[in-house]
């Protein structure tokens, strides 16, 4: 069930965040992760700007996307113009549900290490080691992490007809419905 345009705060939000972290940790430990970014044979590849066939504007609010669904053709290269219109930090990340589940654990680490605050990204801290040599620079071509009022672009080529989503993996946001569906025509 997808809950749209809902934001949980206080005890309910903290409880949901704890449940989300635990379920992500269980999925990750069980081997149900495929890496948080990448997996290019399934989700596509970084696109060439010269091959862009259209631009899709994505507005990120608290906690929703506009539009909530997009239609893509296999092999299409799309420029996404992403705008954070909300008051909180949000992410636009193209991936599978399993990839988002694994990435949510990494995003929780960012919060725990002080890299992410509700409305601020401490970018100078994104290169620090968060365990096992992992950093969270968010420099992958399928993902952007934005503070309120920031904008960014992603050029992406959808190489395969796969079950994809675009989602915000900031703790609690995906669970509150901040995800959108990618449909192939």
Protein backbone atom coordinates (compact mmCIF):
# COMPACT_ATOMS: atom_id res chain seq x y z
CA UNK A 1 0.00 0.00 0.00
CA UNK A 2 1.38 3.38 -1.00
CA UNK A 3 0.69 6.32 1.31
CA UNK A 4 0.96 9.58 -0.58
CA UNK A 5 1.70 13.10 0.64
CA UNK A 6 2.09 12.08 4.25
CA UNK A 7 4.81 13.11 6.68
CA UNK A 8 5.24 11.36 10.00
CA UNK A 9 6.84 13.17 12.88
CA UNK A 10 7.41 12.75 16.59
CA UNK A 11 7.05 9.32 18.15
CA UNK A 12 5.31 7.81 15.10
CA UNK A 13 8.06 9.03 12.79
CA UNK A 14 10.83 7.84 15.13
CA UNK A 15 9.15 4.43 15.45
CA UNK A 16 8.73 4.16 11.68
CA UNK A 17 12.36 5.14 11.17
CA UNK A 18 13.49 2.45 13.63
CA UNK A 19 11.31 -0.20 11.94
CA UNK A 20 12.58 0.90 8.52
CA UNK A 21 16.20 0.66 9.67
CA UNK A 22 15.64 -2.79 11.16
CA UNK A 23 13.86 -4.14 8.07
CA UNK A 24 16.58 -2.73 5.80
CA UNK A 25 19.27 -4.26 7.99
CA UNK A 26 17.54 -7.66 7.86
CA UNK A 27 17.18 -7.50 4.06
CA UNK A 28 20.82 -6.42 3.69
CA UNK A 29 22.08 -9.17 6.03
CA UNK A 30 19.98 -11.77 4.22
CA UNK A 31 21.74 -10.93 0.98
CA UNK A 32 18.76 -9.27 -0.68
CA UNK A 33 20.81 -6.27 -1.74
CA UNK A 34 22.31 -5.63 -5.11
CA UNK A 35 24.33 -2.52 -4.30
CA UNK A 36 22.80 0.86 -3.67
CA UNK A 37 23.91 2.44 -6.90
CA UNK A 38 24.82 0.97 -10.22
CA UNK A 39 23.61 -2.44 -11.34
CA UNK A 40 23.70 -0.99 -14.81
CA UNK A 41 22.48 -4.08 -16.65
CA UNK A 42 19.18 -3.82 -14.78
CA UNK A 43 18.50 -0.12 -14.28
CA UNK A 44 20.31 1.48 -17.21
CA UNK A 45 23.42 3.61 -17.65
CA UNK A 46 24.51 7.21 -17.43
CA UNK A 47 23.26 8.84 -20.60
CA UNK A 48 24.93 11.05 -23.16
CA UNK A 49 23.41 14.56 -23.30
CA UNK A 50 23.52 14.47 -27.12
CA UNK A 51 21.17 11.45 -27.09
CA UNK A 52 18.45 13.01 -24.88
CA UNK A 53 15.01 12.59 -26.45
CA UNK A 54 13.11 14.60 -23.82
CA UNK A 55 13.33 16.29 -20.45
CA UNK A 56 11.13 15.27 -17.52
CA UNK A 57 10.78 17.71 -14.63
CA UNK A 58 10.48 16.04 -11.23
CA UNK A 59 9.42 18.13 -8.24
CA UNK A 60 10.24 16.70 -4.82
CA UNK A 61 7.96 17.85 -2.01
CA UNK A 62 7.56 16.72 1.60
CA UNK A 63 7.19 13.58 1.03
CA UNK A 64 6.02 13.17 -2.54
CA UNK A 65 7.06 13.48 -6.17
CA UNK A 66 5.30 15.30 -8.98
CA UNK A 67 4.70 13.40 -11.18
CA UNK A 68 4.32 10.15 -9.26
CA UNK A 69 4.68 8.01 -12.39
CA UNK A 70 6.67 8.29 -15.60
CA UNK A 71 6.52 6.35 -18.88
CA UNK A 72 9.75 5.45 -20.64
CA UNK A 73 10.65 3.61 -23.82
CA UNK A 74 13.33 0.91 -23.66
CA UNK A 75 16.57 2.45 -24.90
CA UNK A 76 15.37 6.03 -24.31
CA UNK A 77 17.75 8.65 -22.92
CA UNK A 78 16.01 11.14 -20.62
CA UNK A 79 17.17 14.31 -18.93
CA UNK A 80 15.60 14.61 -15.48
CA UNK A 81 15.41 18.11 -14.08
CA UNK A 82 14.95 17.59 -10.34
CA UNK A 83 13.74 20.38 -8.06
CA UNK A 84 13.44 20.10 -4.28
CA UNK A 85 10.41 22.28 -3.53
CA UNK A 86 10.09 20.91 0.01
CA UNK A 87 11.45 22.09 3.33
CA UNK A 88 13.49 18.91 3.91
CA UNK A 89 16.45 17.14 2.28
CA UNK A 90 15.26 14.71 -0.41
CA UNK A 91 16.80 12.25 -2.83
CA UNK A 92 15.94 11.23 -6.38
CA UNK A 93 17.33 7.75 -6.97
CA UNK A 94 16.53 5.43 -9.90
CA UNK A 95 16.65 1.75 -8.93
CA UNK A 96 14.83 -1.44 -8.09
CA UNK A 97 12.94 -1.97 -4.83
CA UNK A 98 15.79 -4.18 -3.57
CA UNK A 99 18.35 -1.50 -4.37
CA UNK A 100 16.31 1.10 -2.47
CA UNK A 101 16.03 -1.21 0.55
CA UNK A 102 19.83 -1.58 0.69
CA UNK A 103 20.40 2.13 0.12
CA UNK A 104 18.06 3.05 2.97
CA UNK A 105 20.51 1.43 5.40
CA UNK A 106 23.32 3.55 4.00
CA UNK A 107 21.19 6.69 4.28
CA UNK A 108 20.49 5.81 7.93
CA UNK A 109 24.25 5.75 8.49
CA UNK A 110 24.45 9.24 7.01
CA UNK A 111 21.94 10.47 9.59
CA UNK A 112 23.73 8.66 12.43
CA UNK A 113 27.08 10.19 11.39
CA UNK A 114 25.63 13.72 11.13
CA UNK A 115 26.03 13.93 7.36
CA UNK A 116 22.28 14.40 6.86
CA UNK A 117 20.10 16.70 8.89
CA UNK A 118 16.41 17.30 8.31
CA UNK A 119 17.01 20.32 6.06
CA UNK A 120 20.78 20.29 5.51
CA UNK A 121 23.47 18.13 3.93
CA UNK A 122 26.91 18.39 5.51
CA UNK A 123 28.65 17.81 2.18
CA UNK A 124 32.15 18.14 3.63
CA UNK A 125 31.43 14.99 5.69
CA UNK A 126 30.22 12.89 2.73
CA UNK A 127 33.73 11.60 1.98
CA UNK A 128 34.33 10.20 5.47
CA UNK A 129 34.49 6.44 5.99
CA UNK A 130 31.18 5.13 7.30
CA UNK A 131 32.46 1.61 7.74
CA UNK A 132 34.11 -0.94 5.46
CA UNK A 133 35.60 1.85 3.37
CA UNK A 134 32.17 3.11 2.24
CA UNK A 135 31.56 6.79 1.67
CA UNK A 136 28.30 8.51 0.79
CA UNK A 137 29.38 11.12 -1.71
CA UNK A 138 26.22 10.70 -3.80
CA UNK A 139 28.16 11.09 -7.01
CA UNK A 140 26.51 8.15 -8.76
CA UNK A 141 24.83 9.01 -12.06
CA UNK A 142 21.42 7.56 -11.03
CA UNK A 143 21.03 9.60 -7.84
CA UNK A 144 20.97 13.16 -6.49
CA UNK A 145 20.58 14.35 -2.92
CA UNK A 146 19.26 17.90 -2.58
CA UNK A 147 18.70 20.45 0.15
CA UNK A 148 15.49 22.54 0.04
CA UNK A 149 15.28 24.77 -3.07
CA UNK A 150 18.24 23.05 -4.80
CA UNK A 151 17.99 21.70 -8.35
CA UNK A 152 20.00 19.15 -10.30
CA UNK A 153 19.92 17.19 -13.55
CA UNK A 154 20.45 13.53 -14.35
CA UNK A 155 20.83 12.18 -17.89
CA UNK A 156 19.87 8.52 -17.89
CA UNK A 157 19.54 5.84 -20.57
CA UNK A 158 16.99 3.12 -19.79
CA UNK A 159 18.60 0.07 -21.38
CA UNK A 160 16.26 -2.66 -20.12
CA UNK A 161 12.56 -3.08 -19.47
CA UNK A 162 12.82 -3.64 -15.70
CA UNK A 163 10.70 -3.03 -12.60
CA UNK A 164 12.10 0.36 -11.62
CA UNK A 165 11.19 3.07 -9.16
CA UNK A 166 12.50 6.50 -8.39
CA UNK A 167 12.62 7.04 -4.67
CA UNK A 168 13.82 9.09 -1.75
CA UNK A 169 15.81 6.90 0.64
CA UNK A 170 16.22 9.49 3.40
CA UNK A 171 15.10 7.59 6.54
CA UNK A 172 11.31 7.39 6.74
CA UNK A 173 10.61 9.04 3.38
CA UNK A 174 10.25 5.89 1.22
CA UNK A 175 8.04 4.27 3.88
CA UNK A 176 5.81 7.35 3.95
CA UNK A 177 5.21 7.04 0.20
CA UNK A 178 8.00 9.05 -1.41
CA UNK A 179 8.52 6.86 -4.41
CA UNK A 180 7.35 6.89 -7.99
CA UNK A 181 6.88 4.22 -10.60
CA UNK A 182 8.66 3.86 -13.92
CA UNK A 183 6.51 2.27 -16.63
CA UNK A 184 7.86 1.06 -19.95
CA UNK A 185 5.77 1.73 -23.05
